[in-house]
Protein backbone atom coordinates (compact mmCIF):
# COMPACT_ATOMS: atom_id res chain seq x y z
CA MET A 1 124.32 -51.14 8.04
CA ALA A 2 121.69 -52.68 10.32
CA GLU A 3 118.13 -51.43 10.17
CA PRO A 4 116.95 -49.61 13.29
CA PRO A 5 114.92 -51.75 15.65
CA VAL A 6 111.15 -51.72 15.42
CA ILE A 7 108.86 -51.29 18.40
CA ILE A 8 105.81 -53.51 18.57
CA TRP A 9 103.43 -52.23 21.18
CA GLU A 10 101.37 -54.43 23.50
CA HIS A 11 98.12 -53.79 21.63
CA GLU A 12 99.82 -54.83 18.37
CA VAL A 13 101.15 -58.05 19.96
CA ARG A 14 97.59 -58.81 21.08
CA HIS A 15 96.36 -58.56 17.45
CA LEU A 16 99.24 -60.63 16.03
CA LEU A 17 99.44 -63.61 18.45
CA HIS A 18 96.90 -66.41 18.17
CA TYR A 19 96.78 -69.76 19.90
CA ARG A 20 96.17 -71.70 16.71
CA ASP A 21 99.55 -70.50 15.41
CA LEU A 22 101.36 -70.47 18.72
CA ILE A 23 100.60 -73.94 20.07
CA PRO A 24 102.28 -76.01 17.35
CA ARG A 25 105.38 -73.82 17.49
CA LEU A 26 105.58 -74.23 21.24
CA GLU A 27 105.21 -78.04 20.95
CA ASP A 28 108.09 -78.07 18.49
CA ALA A 29 110.21 -75.82 20.71
CA LEU A 30 109.54 -77.96 23.84
CA GLY A 31 110.57 -81.07 21.96
CA LYS A 32 113.82 -79.41 20.74
CA PHE A 33 114.63 -78.15 24.22
CA SER A 34 114.38 -81.64 25.71
CA ARG A 35 116.71 -83.18 23.11
CA ARG A 36 119.92 -82.64 25.05
CA ASP A 37 122.13 -84.26 22.36
CA SER A 38 122.43 -81.04 20.30
CA ALA A 39 123.29 -77.42 20.79
CA GLU A 40 120.18 -76.42 18.82
CA VAL A 41 118.64 -74.66 21.80
CA ILE A 42 120.77 -72.83 24.34
CA GLN A 43 118.81 -71.56 27.28
CA PRO A 44 120.27 -71.00 30.76
CA VAL A 45 118.07 -71.10 33.82
CA ARG A 46 116.46 -67.73 34.46
CA THR A 47 118.58 -65.24 36.37
CA ALA A 48 116.58 -63.46 39.11
CA VAL A 49 117.45 -60.20 40.77
CA HIS A 50 115.67 -59.56 44.08
CA LEU A 51 113.82 -56.20 44.16
CA GLN A 52 113.59 -56.29 47.95
CA LYS A 53 112.24 -52.76 48.42
CA HIS A 54 109.34 -53.56 46.05
CA ASN A 55 108.72 -57.17 47.10
CA GLY A 56 109.58 -58.49 43.67
CA PHE A 57 112.13 -59.93 41.29
CA MET A 58 113.49 -59.13 37.85
CA GLY A 59 114.10 -62.19 35.73
CA LEU A 60 116.41 -62.28 32.71
CA MET A 61 115.64 -65.04 30.16
CA PRO A 62 118.04 -65.25 27.20
CA THR A 63 117.66 -67.93 24.47
CA TYR A 64 119.44 -68.91 21.27
CA MET A 65 117.82 -71.26 18.79
CA GLU A 66 120.54 -71.98 16.27
CA ASN A 67 118.61 -73.77 13.54
CA ASP A 68 115.67 -71.34 13.78
CA GLY A 69 117.88 -68.30 13.72
CA VAL A 70 116.35 -66.84 16.88
CA LEU A 71 118.23 -64.87 19.51
CA SER A 72 116.16 -63.17 22.20
CA THR A 73 115.87 -62.25 25.80
CA LYS A 74 112.97 -61.31 28.03
CA PHE A 75 113.11 -58.93 30.95
CA VAL A 76 110.31 -59.76 33.33
CA CYS A 77 109.52 -58.17 36.66
CA PHE A 78 107.14 -60.11 38.94
CA TYR A 79 105.87 -59.08 42.35
CA LYS A 80 104.09 -60.43 45.41
CA ARG A 81 101.22 -57.94 45.71
CA GLU A 82 98.78 -57.46 48.51
CA ASP A 83 95.18 -58.48 47.90
CA GLY A 84 93.34 -55.68 46.14
CA SER A 85 96.53 -53.90 44.95
CA SER A 86 96.12 -51.90 41.76
CA LEU A 87 99.73 -52.47 40.78
CA PRO A 88 100.54 -55.09 38.18
CA ALA A 89 101.91 -58.47 39.28
CA VAL A 90 103.97 -58.97 36.10
CA GLN A 91 105.56 -56.57 33.63
CA ALA A 92 107.67 -57.85 30.73
CA THR A 93 109.61 -56.69 27.68
CA MET A 94 110.90 -58.87 24.81
CA VAL A 95 113.98 -58.06 22.84
CA LEU A 96 114.62 -59.88 19.55
CA LEU A 97 118.15 -59.70 18.07
CA ASP A 98 119.85 -60.71 14.85
CA PRO A 99 122.06 -63.72 15.82
CA GLU A 100 124.63 -63.04 13.11
CA PHE A 101 125.22 -59.29 13.65
CA GLY A 102 124.04 -58.96 17.25
CA ASN A 103 121.90 -55.96 16.64
CA VAL A 104 118.42 -55.48 18.11
CA LYS A 105 115.74 -56.19 15.52
CA ALA A 106 112.65 -55.60 17.64
CA VAL A 107 111.52 -54.52 21.08
CA MET A 108 108.03 -55.64 21.97
CA GLY A 109 105.60 -55.66 24.85
CA GLY A 110 105.98 -58.86 26.81
CA GLU A 111 102.84 -59.15 28.97
CA VAL A 112 100.64 -60.63 26.23
CA ILE A 113 103.45 -63.01 25.17
CA THR A 114 103.97 -64.09 28.78
CA ALA A 115 100.30 -64.69 29.41
CA MET A 116 99.55 -66.49 26.17
CA ARG A 117 102.65 -68.69 25.90
CA THR A 118 102.20 -69.76 29.57
CA ALA A 119 98.57 -70.64 29.07
CA ALA A 120 99.33 -72.39 25.76
CA VAL A 121 101.99 -74.59 27.41
CA SER A 122 99.55 -75.45 30.23
CA ALA A 123 97.09 -76.47 27.53
CA ILE A 124 99.74 -78.60 25.86
CA SER A 125 100.28 -80.32 29.18
CA ALA A 126 96.58 -81.05 29.45
CA LYS A 127 96.47 -82.26 25.85
CA LEU A 128 99.25 -84.73 26.71
CA LEU A 129 98.31 -85.77 30.26
CA MET A 130 94.65 -85.24 31.10
CA ASN A 131 92.05 -87.97 30.89
CA PRO A 132 90.48 -87.91 27.40
CA GLY A 133 86.99 -87.82 28.96
CA ALA A 134 87.72 -84.72 31.08
CA GLU A 135 84.58 -82.68 31.68
CA VAL A 136 85.28 -80.23 34.58
CA LEU A 137 87.93 -77.52 34.61
CA ALA A 138 88.77 -75.58 37.81
CA ILE A 139 90.85 -72.41 37.82
CA LEU A 140 92.33 -71.14 41.09
CA GLY A 141 93.07 -67.47 40.70
CA THR A 142 91.40 -64.68 38.74
CA GLY A 143 94.20 -62.50 37.38
CA THR A 144 95.63 -62.11 33.88
CA GLN A 145 97.02 -65.61 33.76
CA ALA A 146 93.67 -67.04 34.91
CA LEU A 147 91.90 -65.32 32.02
CA SER A 148 94.47 -66.43 29.44
CA HIS A 149 94.19 -70.03 30.67
CA TYR A 150 90.40 -69.83 30.49
CA ASN A 151 90.64 -68.53 26.91
CA VAL A 152 92.89 -71.22 25.57
CA PHE A 153 91.39 -74.12 27.53
CA THR A 154 87.87 -73.29 26.33
CA GLU A 155 89.16 -72.67 22.77
CA ILE A 156 90.79 -76.04 22.29
CA PHE A 157 88.89 -78.34 24.73
CA SER A 158 85.17 -78.93 25.37
CA PHE A 159 84.53 -78.85 29.12
CA LYS A 160 80.97 -79.25 30.37
CA GLU A 161 81.70 -77.08 33.42
CA VAL A 162 84.26 -74.44 34.34
CA ARG A 163 84.70 -73.28 37.95
CA VAL A 164 86.78 -70.45 39.31
CA TRP A 165 87.97 -69.44 42.79
CA SER A 166 89.62 -66.33 44.18
CA ARG A 167 90.52 -65.15 47.63
CA THR A 168 88.06 -62.26 47.15
CA ARG A 169 84.49 -62.09 45.89
CA GLN A 170 85.47 -59.11 43.80
CA GLY A 171 88.11 -61.18 41.98
CA VAL A 172 85.51 -63.82 41.11
CA GLU A 173 82.99 -61.23 39.95
CA ARG A 174 85.59 -59.47 37.80
CA PHE A 175 86.58 -62.78 36.19
CA LEU A 176 83.01 -63.73 35.47
CA GLN A 177 82.46 -60.42 33.70
CA SER A 178 85.66 -60.83 31.61
CA ALA A 179 85.34 -64.52 30.71
CA GLY A 180 82.42 -64.13 28.27
CA GLY A 181 81.24 -67.64 28.83
CA PRO A 182 79.55 -69.86 31.44
CA VAL A 183 81.67 -70.05 34.59
CA LYS A 184 80.71 -71.06 38.12
CA GLY A 185 82.17 -68.89 40.87
CA CYS A 186 83.17 -70.87 43.99
CA SER A 187 83.60 -69.67 47.55
CA SER A 188 86.28 -72.17 48.49
CA VAL A 189 89.15 -74.05 46.84
CA GLU A 190 87.66 -77.37 47.94
CA GLU A 191 84.33 -76.52 46.27
CA ALA A 192 86.10 -75.48 43.07
CA VAL A 193 88.31 -78.59 42.69
CA SER A 194 86.05 -81.31 44.05
CA GLY A 195 85.60 -83.84 41.21
CA ALA A 196 87.44 -81.60 38.75
CA ASP A 197 89.32 -83.36 35.96
CA VAL A 198 91.74 -80.51 35.24
CA ILE A 199 92.89 -77.94 37.79
CA VAL A 200 94.91 -74.83 36.92
CA THR A 201 96.61 -72.94 39.77
CA VAL A 202 97.52 -69.38 38.86
CA THR A 203 97.57 -67.73 42.25
CA GLY A 204 100.05 -65.34 43.87
CA SER A 205 100.23 -67.59 46.91
CA THR A 206 103.44 -68.40 48.75
CA GLU A 207 101.75 -71.14 50.85
CA PRO A 208 99.82 -74.21 49.57
CA VAL A 209 96.28 -73.44 48.47
CA LEU A 210 95.56 -76.81 46.79
CA HIS A 211 95.57 -79.90 49.00
CA GLY A 212 95.88 -83.44 47.71
CA GLN A 213 92.95 -84.73 49.76
CA TRP A 214 90.62 -82.54 47.60
CA VAL A 215 92.01 -83.68 44.24
CA LYS A 216 90.25 -86.39 42.27
CA GLN A 217 92.35 -89.51 41.49
CA GLY A 218 93.50 -89.21 37.88
CA ALA A 219 93.10 -85.42 37.72
CA HIS A 220 95.66 -83.28 35.89
CA VAL A 221 97.00 -80.16 37.68
CA ALA A 222 98.78 -77.35 35.75
CA ALA A 223 100.59 -75.40 38.47
CA VAL A 224 101.70 -71.99 37.20
CA GLY A 225 102.21 -69.80 40.24
CA ALA A 226 104.85 -70.13 43.01
CA CYS A 227 107.92 -69.46 40.81
CA ARG A 228 110.43 -69.02 43.66
CA PRO A 229 112.22 -71.72 45.69
CA ASP A 230 110.34 -70.79 48.90
CA TRP A 231 106.86 -70.22 47.33
CA ARG A 232 104.24 -72.95 47.07
CA GLU A 233 100.74 -73.53 45.70
CA LEU A 234 100.50 -77.34 46.14
CA ASP A 235 100.86 -79.34 49.38
CA ASN A 236 103.12 -82.36 50.01
CA VAL A 237 100.23 -84.83 49.75
CA LEU A 238 99.47 -83.87 46.18
CA MET A 239 103.11 -83.58 45.13
CA LYS A 240 104.03 -86.98 46.54
CA GLU A 241 100.95 -88.77 45.12
CA ALA A 242 101.26 -87.30 41.60
CA VAL A 243 103.53 -88.04 38.65
CA VAL A 244 105.33 -84.72 38.24
CA TYR A 245 106.21 -83.20 34.92
CA ALA A 246 107.91 -79.88 34.17
CA ASP A 247 108.75 -77.64 31.21
CA SER A 248 112.41 -77.70 32.36
CA ARG A 249 113.64 -80.20 34.96
CA GLU A 250 116.62 -77.95 35.79
CA GLY A 251 114.32 -74.92 36.17
CA ALA A 252 111.99 -76.82 38.45
CA MET A 253 114.82 -78.08 40.65
CA THR A 254 116.20 -74.52 40.86
CA GLU A 255 113.10 -72.36 41.13
CA SER A 256 110.00 -74.34 42.14
CA GLY A 257 109.22 -74.40 45.85
CA ASP A 258 106.55 -77.02 45.11
CA VAL A 259 109.25 -79.39 43.81
CA ILE A 260 112.16 -78.39 46.09
CA LEU A 261 110.33 -78.33 49.41
CA SER A 262 108.38 -81.55 48.74
CA GLU A 263 111.58 -83.29 47.64
CA VAL A 264 109.82 -85.09 44.84
CA GLU A 265 111.42 -86.32 41.59
CA VAL A 266 110.48 -84.64 38.31
CA PHE A 267 109.50 -87.66 36.19
CA ALA A 268 109.76 -85.93 32.81
CA GLU A 269 109.74 -82.73 30.83
CA LEU A 270 106.82 -82.08 28.51
CA GLY A 271 109.37 -82.23 25.66
CA ASP A 272 110.22 -85.81 26.68
CA VAL A 273 106.56 -86.78 26.23
CA ILE A 274 106.40 -84.94 22.90
CA ASN A 275 109.55 -86.73 21.75
CA GLY A 276 108.17 -90.10 22.87
CA THR A 277 111.00 -90.80 25.30
CA LYS A 278 108.83 -90.63 28.42
CA ALA A 279 105.30 -91.87 29.07
CA ALA A 280 102.19 -89.79 29.54
CA TYR A 281 100.34 -91.23 32.57
CA ARG A 282 96.80 -90.22 31.77
CA ASN A 283 95.32 -92.73 34.20
CA LYS A 284 97.24 -91.32 37.17
CA THR A 285 97.14 -88.01 39.00
CA THR A 286 99.62 -85.72 37.24
CA VAL A 287 101.14 -82.35 38.05
CA PHE A 288 102.70 -80.12 35.40
CA LYS A 289 104.96 -77.65 37.15
CA SER A 290 105.29 -74.62 34.84
CA LEU A 291 108.14 -72.20 35.42
CA GLY A 292 108.16 -70.59 31.98
CA MET A 293 111.15 -70.81 29.65
CA GLY A 294 113.02 -68.45 27.37
CA VAL A 295 112.54 -70.76 24.43
CA GLU A 296 108.74 -70.26 24.78
CA ASP A 297 109.24 -66.51 24.68
CA ALA A 298 111.67 -66.77 21.76
CA VAL A 299 109.27 -68.63 19.41
CA SER A 300 106.41 -66.37 20.50
CA ALA A 301 108.46 -63.23 19.74
CA LYS A 302 109.58 -64.59 16.36
CA LEU A 303 105.95 -65.39 15.48
CA VAL A 304 104.89 -61.82 16.41
CA PHE A 305 107.78 -60.30 14.44
CA ASP A 306 107.05 -62.47 11.37
CA GLN A 307 103.36 -61.55 11.48
CA TRP A 308 104.24 -57.89 11.92
CA THR A 309 106.59 -58.00 8.96
CA ALA A 310 104.07 -59.85 6.80
CA LYS A 311 101.40 -57.26 7.47
CA GLY A 312 103.73 -54.44 6.62
CA SER A 313 103.58 -53.10 10.18
CA LYS A 314 100.00 -51.89 9.49
CA LEU A 315 97.51 -52.95 12.15
């Protein structure tokens, strides 16, 4: 008889998940995903249900990793909120199942997993694609994802300057208080990105906020927002001048307005670079279009569950 499922609350996930453990597992998972010659990873493109009344979507993200014995799905609701709204932009729940019996092993909070695995994959993109002498990081946006990106980028890289921009002064001030490190608040996107070596876009924008004419030649852009076919963060100039990478080519061609509306080609998946089948153009302007994948959630959830089990569920 199957054991009843455990519940791992959000605060417990926060204690159990660490970038030093997560990043190598995500790199391995991205490589496996991009090897299309095996059924080792089965992950359909995210299914989205329009929550029209609430100006949002519910995404369903199932994944099966055969050799790792991982079966999971994430339910994630994401919304287009008005500036200053007190309502969350993202809410998520992870469900981990036993692939042999089909029973639920664990239900866990998904916001920390979503924020950390997304930021970690952006950091992997920078590790693979940014200029090795990168000194200036710019973050556009000041929400949960902005802070998780700040945390991982400053943990694994040594930038001499970090800049941040938000549509509101309050957003910048809130971020500066939360960051716990030296950050320069900027009043415009152009000021924030001028001369920056790495740019992270984590906004809720549906129209381009980052324009190619402001971006330094050879910069790396990790574009995380705009996860619908008609939403954008980056303009055509930037998209057409850059070498474009994605976590999933199929996902980008289905969900990314930045890719679809600019009609650019996705040169490679990050997994292709990890596997050595596609080049990393560090000397050119690069864009990593992040949509988020179920396989990223799956390995994150397994790591949390394994850590929870090892600690005897005592936190």
